[in-house]
Amino acid sequence: MTEALDTEETARLRRARAERIGRWLMPALTIVAALVIWDRIVVWNQIPHYILPGPGLVAQTLVKDWAILGPATWVTLKIAMMALSVAVIGGVGLAVIFSLSRWAEMSFYPFAVVLQVTPVVAIAPLIFIYVENRTVGLLLCAWIVAFFPILSNTSLGLRSVDRNLADLYHIYGASRWQRLIHLQLPSALPYFLGGLRIAGGLSLIGAVVAEYVAGTAGIGTGLAFRILEAGYRLNIPRMFAALALIAALGVLIFAVLSLISHLALRHWHESALKRES
């Protein structure tokens, strides 16, 4: 009996180890295979580099033009992170107000929905007309995109409190602020972190879209403007290099926010506990 249990435990540990390795190995192999296929398509069909550059040429362009693309990457990342920070502060703060006042939620939530459903590409030109500071305009565009997931998910989390615990707090005479701090906010944390991961990617999208709009006026300096500039000059390898940097930024933001979520939930929330089992 003991030997059977040991064998089962050993098999479970092996499966867990193989899953951990596969979690990193399989995506890496898939990316390598995609790059190889891309390169072979370009070589076998003799596609000119001004139509479709190969991955090797894109990598060379990335290194050669880093003096241009590096600062542009920092500008786009800075705008995205500033917008995400403002979205977190505003979204969480407004969600708390909504949880404390039903009248406030009924009054102002429709405006948040309007901002969410209106395409930022339609709002951005108006923002750059009325806002003279370019950085503030870019920040507003990115914030509009990233704000709603934080507000929506946090509001849902604040309302998704265990009813038995809520009744217990009521029986012991806890104040509204005590229930908020000790019950509602901890319960809303997983919802907030889920919205944060979504908002991280959306803030980057908002920053890129805003740069496109600003770039048409010749005032952009981020990656989107560099893509537009390279397109005007038919420098297709630089366009692909800038696009690769945008994708890398998106993956980096998602990975960092996922790590933050895991570290915050790993000791008590069921979603994180399952990943560690």
Protein backbone atom coordinates (compact mmCIF):
# COMPACT_ATOMS: atom_id res chain seq x y z
CA MET A 1 0.00 0.00 0.00
CA THR A 2 2.78 2.39 0.94
CA GLU A 3 4.71 1.57 -2.24
CA ALA A 4 1.62 2.26 -4.35
CA LEU A 5 1.16 5.64 -2.67
CA ASP A 6 4.83 6.49 -3.22
CA THR A 7 4.55 5.53 -6.89
CA GLU A 8 1.44 7.68 -7.30
CA GLU A 9 3.12 10.62 -5.58
CA THR A 10 6.20 10.26 -7.78
CA ALA A 11 4.04 10.19 -10.91
CA ARG A 12 2.18 13.29 -9.73
CA LEU A 13 5.44 15.15 -9.11
CA ARG A 14 6.70 14.17 -12.55
CA ARG A 15 3.51 15.42 -14.18
CA ALA A 16 3.75 18.69 -12.27
CA ARG A 17 7.41 19.10 -13.28
CA ALA A 18 6.60 18.35 -16.92
CA GLU A 19 3.75 20.88 -16.82
CA ARG A 20 6.03 23.57 -15.41
CA ILE A 21 8.61 22.92 -18.12
CA GLY A 22 5.99 22.77 -20.85
CA ARG A 23 4.47 26.04 -19.74
CA TRP A 24 7.63 27.80 -20.92
CA LEU A 25 8.96 25.35 -23.51
CA MET A 26 5.86 24.98 -25.68
CA PRO A 27 5.32 28.72 -26.31
CA ALA A 28 9.04 29.12 -27.04
CA LEU A 29 9.00 26.26 -29.55
CA THR A 30 5.86 27.65 -31.19
CA ILE A 31 7.45 31.09 -31.59
CA VAL A 32 10.65 29.60 -33.02
CA ALA A 33 8.64 27.49 -35.47
CA ALA A 34 6.63 30.54 -36.58
CA LEU A 35 9.84 32.53 -37.17
CA VAL A 36 11.35 29.68 -39.19
CA ILE A 37 8.22 29.38 -41.33
CA TRP A 38 8.18 33.15 -41.84
CA ASP A 39 11.84 33.12 -42.92
CA ARG A 40 11.36 30.18 -45.31
CA ILE A 41 8.31 31.79 -46.94
CA VAL A 42 10.33 34.94 -47.64
CA VAL A 43 13.33 33.00 -48.99
CA TRP A 44 11.47 30.42 -51.07
CA ASN A 45 9.18 33.01 -52.68
CA GLN A 46 11.97 35.60 -53.02
CA ILE A 47 9.76 38.29 -51.52
CA PRO A 48 11.43 41.74 -51.62
CA HIS A 49 12.26 43.24 -48.24
CA TYR A 50 10.14 46.33 -49.00
CA ILE A 51 7.07 44.04 -49.14
CA LEU A 52 7.82 41.48 -46.43
CA PRO A 53 11.20 41.48 -44.64
CA GLY A 54 12.45 38.29 -43.05
CA PRO A 55 12.85 37.97 -39.29
CA GLY A 56 16.63 38.22 -39.58
CA LEU A 57 16.39 41.59 -41.35
CA VAL A 58 13.86 42.81 -38.78
CA ALA A 59 16.26 41.87 -35.97
CA GLN A 60 19.14 43.64 -37.75
CA THR A 61 16.98 46.74 -38.21
CA LEU A 62 16.01 46.64 -34.56
CA VAL A 63 19.67 46.73 -33.54
CA LYS A 64 20.70 49.26 -36.19
CA ASP A 65 17.84 51.68 -35.48
CA TRP A 66 17.80 51.27 -31.71
CA ALA A 67 18.91 54.89 -31.28
CA ILE A 68 15.54 55.85 -32.81
CA LEU A 69 13.33 53.01 -31.62
CA GLY A 70 14.66 52.87 -28.05
CA PRO A 71 13.51 56.37 -26.99
CA ALA A 72 10.23 55.82 -28.85
CA THR A 73 9.68 52.62 -26.86
CA TRP A 74 10.22 54.49 -23.62
CA VAL A 75 7.73 57.21 -24.64
CA THR A 76 5.00 54.67 -25.45
CA LEU A 77 5.65 52.67 -22.28
CA LYS A 78 5.64 55.81 -20.14
CA ILE A 79 2.31 56.98 -21.54
CA ALA A 80 0.77 53.53 -21.09
CA MET A 81 1.94 53.20 -17.48
CA MET A 82 0.86 56.72 -16.56
CA ALA A 83 -2.57 56.05 -18.05
CA LEU A 84 -2.82 52.73 -16.19
CA SER A 85 -1.88 54.40 -12.91
CA VAL A 86 -4.50 57.12 -13.33
CA ALA A 87 -7.06 54.49 -14.38
CA VAL A 88 -6.36 52.47 -11.23
CA ILE A 89 -6.69 55.49 -8.95
CA GLY A 90 -9.81 56.80 -10.66
CA GLY A 91 -11.43 53.42 -11.28
CA VAL A 92 -10.96 52.09 -7.75
CA GLY A 93 -11.92 55.41 -6.18
CA LEU A 94 -15.09 55.69 -8.23
CA ALA A 95 -15.97 52.04 -7.59
CA VAL A 96 -15.69 52.65 -3.84
CA ILE A 97 -17.97 55.68 -4.15
CA PHE A 98 -20.46 53.61 -6.12
CA SER A 99 -20.42 50.90 -3.43
CA LEU A 100 -21.13 53.49 -0.74
CA SER A 101 -23.81 55.39 -2.65
CA ARG A 102 -26.33 53.77 -4.97
CA TRP A 103 -27.41 57.22 -6.13
CA ALA A 104 -23.89 58.09 -7.22
CA GLU A 105 -23.67 54.85 -9.21
CA MET A 106 -26.96 55.48 -10.97
CA SER A 107 -25.91 59.04 -11.77
CA PHE A 108 -22.38 58.55 -13.08
CA TYR A 109 -22.05 54.94 -14.27
CA PRO A 110 -23.76 55.71 -17.62
CA PHE A 111 -21.03 58.25 -18.38
CA ALA A 112 -18.39 55.57 -17.84
CA VAL A 113 -20.28 53.28 -20.23
CA VAL A 114 -20.40 56.04 -22.84
CA LEU A 115 -16.62 56.49 -22.59
CA GLN A 116 -16.16 52.73 -22.97
CA VAL A 117 -18.35 52.24 -26.03
CA THR A 118 -17.13 55.34 -27.91
CA PRO A 119 -14.06 54.49 -30.04
CA VAL A 120 -11.01 56.34 -28.82
CA VAL A 121 -9.92 56.94 -32.40
CA ALA A 122 -13.02 59.14 -32.75
CA ILE A 123 -12.40 61.03 -29.51
CA ALA A 124 -8.65 61.53 -29.93
CA PRO A 125 -8.80 64.27 -32.60
CA LEU A 126 -11.10 66.33 -30.37
CA ILE A 127 -8.81 65.83 -27.40
CA PHE A 128 -5.81 67.12 -29.35
CA ILE A 129 -7.84 70.15 -30.46
CA TYR A 130 -8.82 71.17 -26.92
CA VAL A 131 -5.71 70.01 -25.04
CA GLU A 132 -2.58 71.91 -25.97
CA ASN A 133 -0.11 69.72 -24.06
CA ARG A 134 0.71 66.69 -26.23
CA THR A 135 1.61 64.42 -23.31
CA VAL A 136 -1.64 65.21 -21.50
CA GLY A 137 -3.58 64.49 -24.69
CA LEU A 138 -1.90 61.13 -25.14
CA LEU A 139 -2.50 60.32 -21.49
CA LEU A 140 -6.21 61.13 -21.74
CA CYS A 141 -6.64 58.91 -24.79
CA ALA A 142 -4.93 55.96 -23.13
CA TRP A 143 -6.79 56.55 -19.86
CA ILE A 144 -10.19 56.45 -21.57
CA VAL A 145 -9.45 52.96 -22.89
CA ALA A 146 -7.99 51.58 -19.65
CA PHE A 147 -10.42 53.12 -17.17
CA PHE A 148 -13.59 51.07 -17.62
CA PRO A 149 -12.24 47.54 -16.91
CA ILE A 150 -10.87 48.73 -13.56
CA LEU A 151 -14.14 50.43 -12.62
CA SER A 152 -16.37 47.58 -13.81
CA ASN A 153 -14.41 44.71 -12.26
CA THR A 154 -13.81 46.49 -8.96
CA SER A 155 -17.48 47.46 -8.69
CA LEU A 156 -18.44 43.85 -9.33
CA GLY A 157 -15.99 42.65 -6.68
CA LEU A 158 -17.27 45.12 -4.08
CA ARG A 159 -20.80 43.81 -4.65
CA SER A 160 -19.76 40.13 -4.64
CA VAL A 161 -19.33 39.81 -0.88
CA ASP A 162 -20.30 36.60 0.88
CA ARG A 163 -23.78 37.26 2.26
CA ASN A 164 -23.13 35.29 5.44
CA LEU A 165 -20.08 37.41 6.22
CA ALA A 166 -22.01 40.58 5.42
CA ASP A 167 -24.75 39.52 7.85
CA LEU A 168 -22.11 38.76 10.47
CA TYR A 169 -20.62 42.24 10.14
CA HIS A 170 -24.12 43.69 10.40
CA ILE A 171 -24.91 41.68 13.54
CA TYR A 172 -21.73 42.94 15.24
CA GLY A 173 -22.61 46.51 14.35
CA ALA A 174 -19.71 47.20 11.98
CA SER A 175 -19.78 50.61 10.38
CA ARG A 176 -19.95 51.13 6.62
CA TRP A 177 -16.25 51.95 6.48
CA GLN A 178 -15.32 48.89 8.54
CA ARG A 179 -17.26 46.66 6.16
CA LEU A 180 -15.58 48.35 3.21
CA ILE A 181 -12.02 48.04 4.53
CA HIS A 182 -12.17 44.63 6.17
CA LEU A 183 -14.71 42.81 4.00
CA GLN A 184 -15.47 44.39 0.64
CA LEU A 185 -11.98 45.46 -0.45
CA PRO A 186 -10.37 42.04 0.25
CA SER A 187 -13.25 40.33 -1.55
CA ALA A 188 -12.87 42.66 -4.53
CA LEU A 189 -9.09 42.16 -4.86
CA PRO A 190 -9.26 39.18 -7.31
CA TYR A 191 -11.77 41.06 -9.46
CA PHE A 192 -9.61 44.18 -9.41
CA LEU A 193 -6.50 42.24 -10.40
CA GLY A 194 -8.38 40.61 -13.27
CA GLY A 195 -9.44 44.03 -14.49
CA LEU A 196 -5.90 45.29 -14.03
CA ARG A 197 -4.51 42.70 -16.43
CA ILE A 198 -7.07 43.72 -19.02
CA ALA A 199 -6.48 47.43 -18.47
CA GLY A 200 -2.71 46.98 -18.82
CA GLY A 201 -3.03 45.83 -22.41
CA LEU A 202 -5.73 48.38 -23.18
CA SER A 203 -3.59 51.24 -21.87
CA LEU A 204 -0.89 50.26 -24.38
CA ILE A 205 -3.49 50.10 -27.15
CA GLY A 206 -4.78 53.53 -26.15
CA ALA A 207 -1.27 54.98 -26.15
CA VAL A 208 -0.56 53.56 -29.62
CA VAL A 209 -3.86 54.81 -31.05
CA ALA A 210 -3.27 58.25 -29.56
CA GLU A 211 0.23 58.30 -31.05
CA TYR A 212 -1.23 57.47 -34.45
CA VAL A 213 -3.59 60.43 -34.25
CA ALA A 214 -0.92 62.75 -32.90
CA GLY A 215 1.60 61.41 -35.41
CA THR A 216 -0.48 62.55 -38.35
CA ALA A 217 0.12 66.08 -37.10
CA GLY A 218 3.85 65.48 -36.85
CA ILE A 219 4.03 65.80 -33.07
CA GLY A 220 4.37 62.17 -32.05
CA THR A 221 7.57 60.55 -30.80
CA GLY A 222 6.41 57.07 -29.76
CA LEU A 223 6.47 53.75 -31.55
CA ALA A 224 3.24 54.39 -33.45
CA PHE A 225 4.67 57.60 -34.89
CA ARG A 226 7.82 55.71 -35.91
CA ILE A 227 5.63 53.18 -37.73
CA LEU A 228 3.88 55.98 -39.60
CA GLU A 229 7.20 57.63 -40.40
CA ALA A 230 8.68 54.37 -41.66
CA GLY A 231 5.58 53.77 -43.78
CA TYR A 232 5.93 57.15 -45.46
CA ARG A 233 9.54 56.29 -46.28
CA LEU A 234 8.73 52.69 -47.30
CA ASN A 235 11.11 51.48 -44.59
CA ILE A 236 9.16 48.27 -44.01
CA PRO A 237 11.82 46.55 -41.85
CA ARG A 238 11.67 49.43 -39.38
CA MET A 239 7.88 49.16 -39.33
CA PHE A 240 8.14 45.49 -38.40
CA ALA A 241 10.80 46.26 -35.78
CA ALA A 242 8.58 48.89 -34.13
CA LEU A 243 5.61 46.51 -34.29
CA ALA A 244 7.70 43.80 -32.62
CA LEU A 245 8.59 46.23 -29.83
CA ILE A 246 4.91 47.06 -29.28
CA ALA A 247 4.10 43.35 -29.05
CA ALA A 248 7.01 42.84 -26.64
CA LEU A 249 5.75 45.70 -24.46
CA GLY A 250 2.29 44.14 -24.36
CA VAL A 251 3.68 40.76 -23.31
CA LEU A 252 5.90 42.40 -20.69
CA ILE A 253 3.02 44.39 -19.19
CA PHE A 254 0.78 41.32 -19.05
CA ALA A 255 3.54 39.19 -17.51
CA VAL A 256 4.32 41.76 -14.81
CA LEU A 257 0.65 42.25 -13.91
CA SER A 258 0.08 38.49 -13.88
CA LEU A 259 3.01 38.10 -11.50
CA ILE A 260 1.61 40.81 -9.23
CA SER A 261 -1.76 39.06 -9.25
CA HIS A 262 -0.19 35.70 -8.42
CA LEU A 263 1.88 37.14 -5.56
CA ALA A 264 -1.17 38.90 -4.11
CA LEU A 265 -3.47 35.86 -4.27
CA ARG A 266 -1.22 32.83 -3.95
CA HIS A 267 -1.69 32.28 -0.19
CA TRP A 268 -5.47 32.52 0.02
CA HIS A 269 -7.42 32.69 -3.24
CA GLU A 270 -8.60 29.52 -4.96
CA SER A 271 -7.44 30.54 -8.45
CA ALA A 272 -3.83 30.94 -7.30
CA LEU A 273 -3.88 27.95 -4.98
CA LYS A 274 -4.81 25.66 -7.87
CA ARG A 275 -1.77 26.77 -9.85
CA GLU A 276 0.49 25.87 -6.95
CA SER A 277 -1.05 22.47 -6.24
